[in-house]
C-alpha cells in the first residue's frame, strides 16, 4: 500500500486520536487540523499540525486545508445538535469537490463515544429519532457524490434500535463483540477499520 496523504479533522477526539496513531503507525502522512494544536501530544516526522476548527471554517478554508491530500477523515466530536453535524459534514463534502481528495471518511454523531451505546435504549427515544434522521441526511448527501470514494461510520440501527433478538443491529464493519456478548462500538475498532477501508477500499460509496 502506497503512503497516503491524510487530512484529519478532530484528531484530539476519542476516535480521532486513535485514527491519528493508527495512520502514523502504518506509515501514512497526516495533517491534523485541530482547534487547539497544544492538545496533540504525538510527535512524528510524518505529522503536521494545523490550527483550525472545522465547525467555524468556511468552505474555502476547509478546501485550502485539504488541498494536496489523498484522503480526508472527519472524526471531530459534535458537541451541539445533530443538525450541526449534518451541516458541517455537508460543508466538508462540498469543500472536497474539485480537490485532489480521492477518499473521504466521516464518523457519525454518536461515533465519538467510546463503548456506546450498549444494549438498552437511552431514555429519550425522540432524541434518537432526530439523530437517526441526521445520519440519513448525511448519507443521502454522500450518495450524490461521484468524484471520490467515501465511507460514513455511524449507527444505522438507531431508529429501529432493537432487532428481533432483542439486541441492536449494529453496522457489521464497526462492531465489536465483547466477552459477555454485548455489541459495542469502540474507538480503537473504528480507527483500524477506517484505515483498512482507505488502504483496501472494501466498501465503495457506502456506509461502513
Protein backbone atom coordinates (compact mmCIF):
# COMPACT_ATOMS: atom_id res chain seq x y z
CA UNK A 1 0.00 0.00 0.00
CA UNK A 2 1.46 3.36 -1.03
CA UNK A 3 1.72 6.14 1.51
CA UNK A 4 -1.43 8.24 1.72
CA UNK A 5 -1.57 11.95 2.49
CA UNK A 6 -4.34 12.23 5.07
CA UNK A 7 -6.07 15.38 6.33
CA UNK A 8 -7.61 14.59 9.72
CA UNK A 9 -10.20 16.77 11.42
CA UNK A 10 -10.87 16.06 15.09
CA UNK A 11 -7.52 14.44 15.83
CA UNK A 12 -7.95 15.06 19.57
CA UNK A 13 -11.31 13.28 19.89
CA UNK A 14 -11.50 9.72 21.23
CA UNK A 15 -11.79 8.27 17.75
CA UNK A 16 -9.53 10.90 16.20
CA UNK A 17 -6.59 10.18 18.49
CA UNK A 18 -6.70 6.52 17.58
CA UNK A 19 -7.10 7.27 13.87
CA UNK A 20 -4.05 9.55 14.10
CA UNK A 21 -1.90 6.95 15.85
CA UNK A 22 -3.08 4.14 13.55
CA UNK A 23 -2.36 6.17 10.40
CA UNK A 24 1.12 7.12 11.58
CA UNK A 25 1.87 3.55 12.66
CA UNK A 26 1.02 2.40 9.13
CA UNK A 27 3.41 4.90 7.59
CA UNK A 28 0.94 7.46 6.23
CA UNK A 29 1.49 11.22 6.26
CA UNK A 30 -1.07 13.07 8.37
CA UNK A 31 -2.08 16.72 8.63
CA UNK A 32 -4.08 17.13 11.84
CA UNK A 33 -6.43 20.11 11.68
CA UNK A 34 -7.45 20.90 15.27
CA UNK A 35 -8.84 23.86 17.19
CA UNK A 36 -6.09 23.59 19.83
CA UNK A 37 -2.74 22.27 18.48
CA UNK A 38 -1.36 22.08 22.03
CA UNK A 39 -3.62 19.08 22.67
CA UNK A 40 -1.69 16.99 20.13
CA UNK A 41 0.79 15.08 22.26
CA UNK A 42 2.03 12.89 19.42
CA UNK A 43 5.34 13.77 17.81
CA UNK A 44 6.18 12.16 14.47
CA UNK A 45 8.11 13.05 11.33
CA UNK A 46 5.01 12.26 9.23
CA UNK A 47 2.75 14.52 11.29
CA UNK A 48 1.90 18.15 10.59
CA UNK A 49 -0.41 20.01 12.98
CA UNK A 50 -2.52 22.92 11.74
CA UNK A 51 -4.85 25.15 13.74
CA UNK A 52 -8.47 25.09 12.52
CA UNK A 53 -11.92 24.42 13.96
CA UNK A 54 -13.99 22.65 11.31
CA UNK A 55 -17.24 23.91 12.84
CA UNK A 56 -16.17 27.52 12.24
CA UNK A 57 -14.28 27.22 8.95
CA UNK A 58 -15.74 28.46 5.67
CA UNK A 59 -15.86 26.08 2.70
CA UNK A 60 -12.92 27.91 1.16
CA UNK A 61 -10.94 27.50 4.39
CA UNK A 62 -11.71 23.77 4.52
CA UNK A 63 -10.74 23.37 0.86
CA UNK A 64 -7.41 25.10 1.48
CA UNK A 65 -6.68 22.75 4.41
CA UNK A 66 -7.43 19.57 2.46
CA UNK A 67 -5.84 20.62 -0.83
CA UNK A 68 -2.98 18.30 -1.76
CA UNK A 69 -4.24 15.39 0.33
CA UNK A 70 -5.39 12.00 -0.95
CA UNK A 71 -7.72 11.26 1.94
CA UNK A 72 -9.84 13.28 4.37
CA UNK A 73 -11.07 11.84 7.65
CA UNK A 74 -13.55 13.68 9.85
CA UNK A 75 -13.55 12.46 13.45
CA UNK A 76 -14.48 15.66 15.25
CA UNK A 77 -16.76 15.39 18.29
CA UNK A 78 -20.09 17.12 17.82
CA UNK A 79 -20.97 18.99 20.99
CA UNK A 80 -24.10 20.63 19.66
CA UNK A 81 -27.14 19.46 17.71
CA UNK A 82 -27.36 16.62 15.17
CA UNK A 83 -28.25 19.21 12.51
CA UNK A 84 -24.96 21.00 13.15
CA UNK A 85 -23.23 17.69 12.43
CA UNK A 86 -25.17 17.45 9.14
CA UNK A 87 -24.25 21.00 8.13
CA UNK A 88 -20.57 20.58 8.99
CA UNK A 89 -20.27 17.24 7.18
CA UNK A 90 -22.01 18.66 4.12
CA UNK A 91 -19.57 21.59 4.14
CA UNK A 92 -16.68 19.12 4.22
CA UNK A 93 -18.13 17.11 1.33
CA UNK A 94 -18.71 20.21 -0.78
CA UNK A 95 -15.23 21.51 0.01
CA UNK A 96 -13.67 18.26 -1.23
CA UNK A 97 -15.13 18.73 -4.70
CA UNK A 98 -12.54 19.81 -7.21
CA UNK A 99 -9.59 18.98 -4.93
CA UNK A 100 -7.08 16.14 -5.02
CA UNK A 101 -9.08 14.17 -2.44
CA UNK A 102 -9.78 10.61 -3.59
CA UNK A 103 -11.34 9.25 -0.41
CA UNK A 104 -13.39 10.81 2.39
CA UNK A 105 -14.40 9.05 5.60
CA UNK A 106 -16.59 10.66 8.24
CA UNK A 107 -17.71 9.42 11.62
CA UNK A 108 -21.31 9.98 12.66
CA UNK A 109 -22.61 11.93 15.62
CA UNK A 110 -22.52 9.13 18.22
CA UNK A 111 -19.39 7.52 16.85
CA UNK A 112 -17.16 9.55 19.15
CA UNK A 113 -18.40 7.88 22.33
CA UNK A 114 -16.20 5.01 23.41
CA UNK A 115 -18.19 1.84 24.17
CA UNK A 116 -21.56 3.45 23.48
CA UNK A 117 -24.38 2.69 23.02
CA UNK A 118 -24.88 -0.51 24.96
CA UNK A 119 -27.75 -2.93 24.67
CA UNK A 120 -30.58 -0.82 26.11
CA UNK A 121 -32.01 2.31 24.51
CA UNK A 122 -31.29 5.75 26.00
CA UNK A 123 -34.05 7.39 27.99
CA UNK A 124 -35.02 9.77 25.20
CA UNK A 125 -36.32 7.84 22.15
CA UNK A 126 -37.37 11.06 20.40
CA UNK A 127 -33.79 12.29 20.60
CA UNK A 128 -32.61 9.10 18.92
CA UNK A 129 -35.09 9.63 16.09
CA UNK A 130 -33.71 13.12 15.45
CA UNK A 131 -30.20 11.72 15.47
CA UNK A 132 -31.18 8.89 13.14
CA UNK A 133 -32.67 11.36 10.66
CA UNK A 134 -29.49 13.44 10.76
CA UNK A 135 -27.42 10.37 9.93
CA UNK A 136 -29.66 9.56 6.97
CA UNK A 137 -29.42 13.16 5.73
CA UNK A 138 -25.62 12.90 5.69
CA UNK A 139 -25.72 9.56 3.86
CA UNK A 140 -28.05 10.97 1.22
CA UNK A 141 -25.61 13.84 0.65
CA UNK A 142 -22.74 11.38 0.30
CA UNK A 143 -24.69 9.24 -2.17
CA UNK A 144 -24.80 12.14 -4.62
CA UNK A 145 -21.01 12.26 -4.76
CA UNK A 146 -19.32 10.50 -7.68
CA UNK A 147 -15.94 12.22 -7.69
CA UNK A 148 -14.36 10.42 -4.75
CA UNK A 149 -14.71 7.29 -2.63
CA UNK A 150 -16.49 7.80 0.65
CA UNK A 151 -17.43 5.98 3.80
CA UNK A 152 -19.67 7.03 6.70
CA UNK A 153 -19.47 5.18 10.02
CA UNK A 154 -22.44 5.52 12.34
CA UNK A 155 -25.23 3.54 14.00
CA UNK A 156 -27.68 2.74 11.18
CA UNK A 157 -29.97 0.83 13.53
CA UNK A 158 -30.80 3.76 15.81
CA UNK A 159 -34.35 4.43 14.63
CA UNK A 160 -35.42 0.78 14.91
CA UNK A 161 -32.89 0.34 17.69
CA UNK A 162 -33.57 -3.25 18.74
CA UNK A 163 -33.59 -6.25 16.42
CA UNK A 164 -35.62 -9.44 16.66
CA UNK A 165 -33.08 -10.95 19.02
CA UNK A 166 -33.53 -8.07 21.45
CA UNK A 167 -30.16 -6.53 20.65
CA UNK A 168 -29.20 -3.57 18.45
CA UNK A 169 -28.25 -4.43 14.89
CA UNK A 170 -25.01 -2.53 14.59
CA UNK A 171 -23.14 -1.86 11.37
CA UNK A 172 -21.18 -5.02 10.64
CA UNK A 173 -17.85 -3.35 9.93
CA UNK A 174 -17.89 -1.16 13.01
CA UNK A 175 -18.93 -3.62 15.69
CA UNK A 176 -17.01 -5.45 18.37
CA UNK A 177 -18.49 -8.44 20.20
CA UNK A 178 -17.36 -8.31 23.82
CA UNK A 179 -16.74 -11.28 26.11
CA UNK A 180 -20.22 -11.05 27.64
CA UNK A 181 -21.98 -10.87 24.29
CA UNK A 182 -22.68 -7.14 24.20
CA UNK A 183 -22.16 -5.36 20.92
CA UNK A 184 -20.11 -2.22 21.44
CA UNK A 185 -18.72 0.50 19.20
CA UNK A 186 -15.11 1.20 20.16
CA UNK A 187 -12.73 3.94 19.15
CA UNK A 188 -9.87 1.51 18.56
CA UNK A 189 -12.08 -0.64 16.32
CA UNK A 190 -13.14 2.48 14.38
CA UNK A 191 -9.57 3.56 13.72
CA UNK A 192 -8.46 0.17 12.45
CA UNK A 193 -11.48 -0.20 10.19
CA UNK A 194 -11.14 3.31 8.79
CA UNK A 195 -7.51 2.75 7.81
CA UNK A 196 -8.34 -0.70 6.40
CA UNK A 197 -11.01 0.92 4.26
CA UNK A 198 -8.61 3.58 3.00
CA UNK A 199 -5.95 1.04 2.13
CA UNK A 200 -8.13 -1.67 0.63
CA UNK A 201 -11.39 0.08 -0.41
CA UNK A 202 -13.54 -2.89 0.52
CA UNK A 203 -16.79 -0.91 0.56
CA UNK A 204 -17.27 1.54 -2.26
CA UNK A 205 -19.58 4.53 -1.80
CA UNK A 206 -21.41 3.20 1.25
CA UNK A 207 -21.90 3.35 4.99
CA UNK A 208 -19.32 1.43 6.97
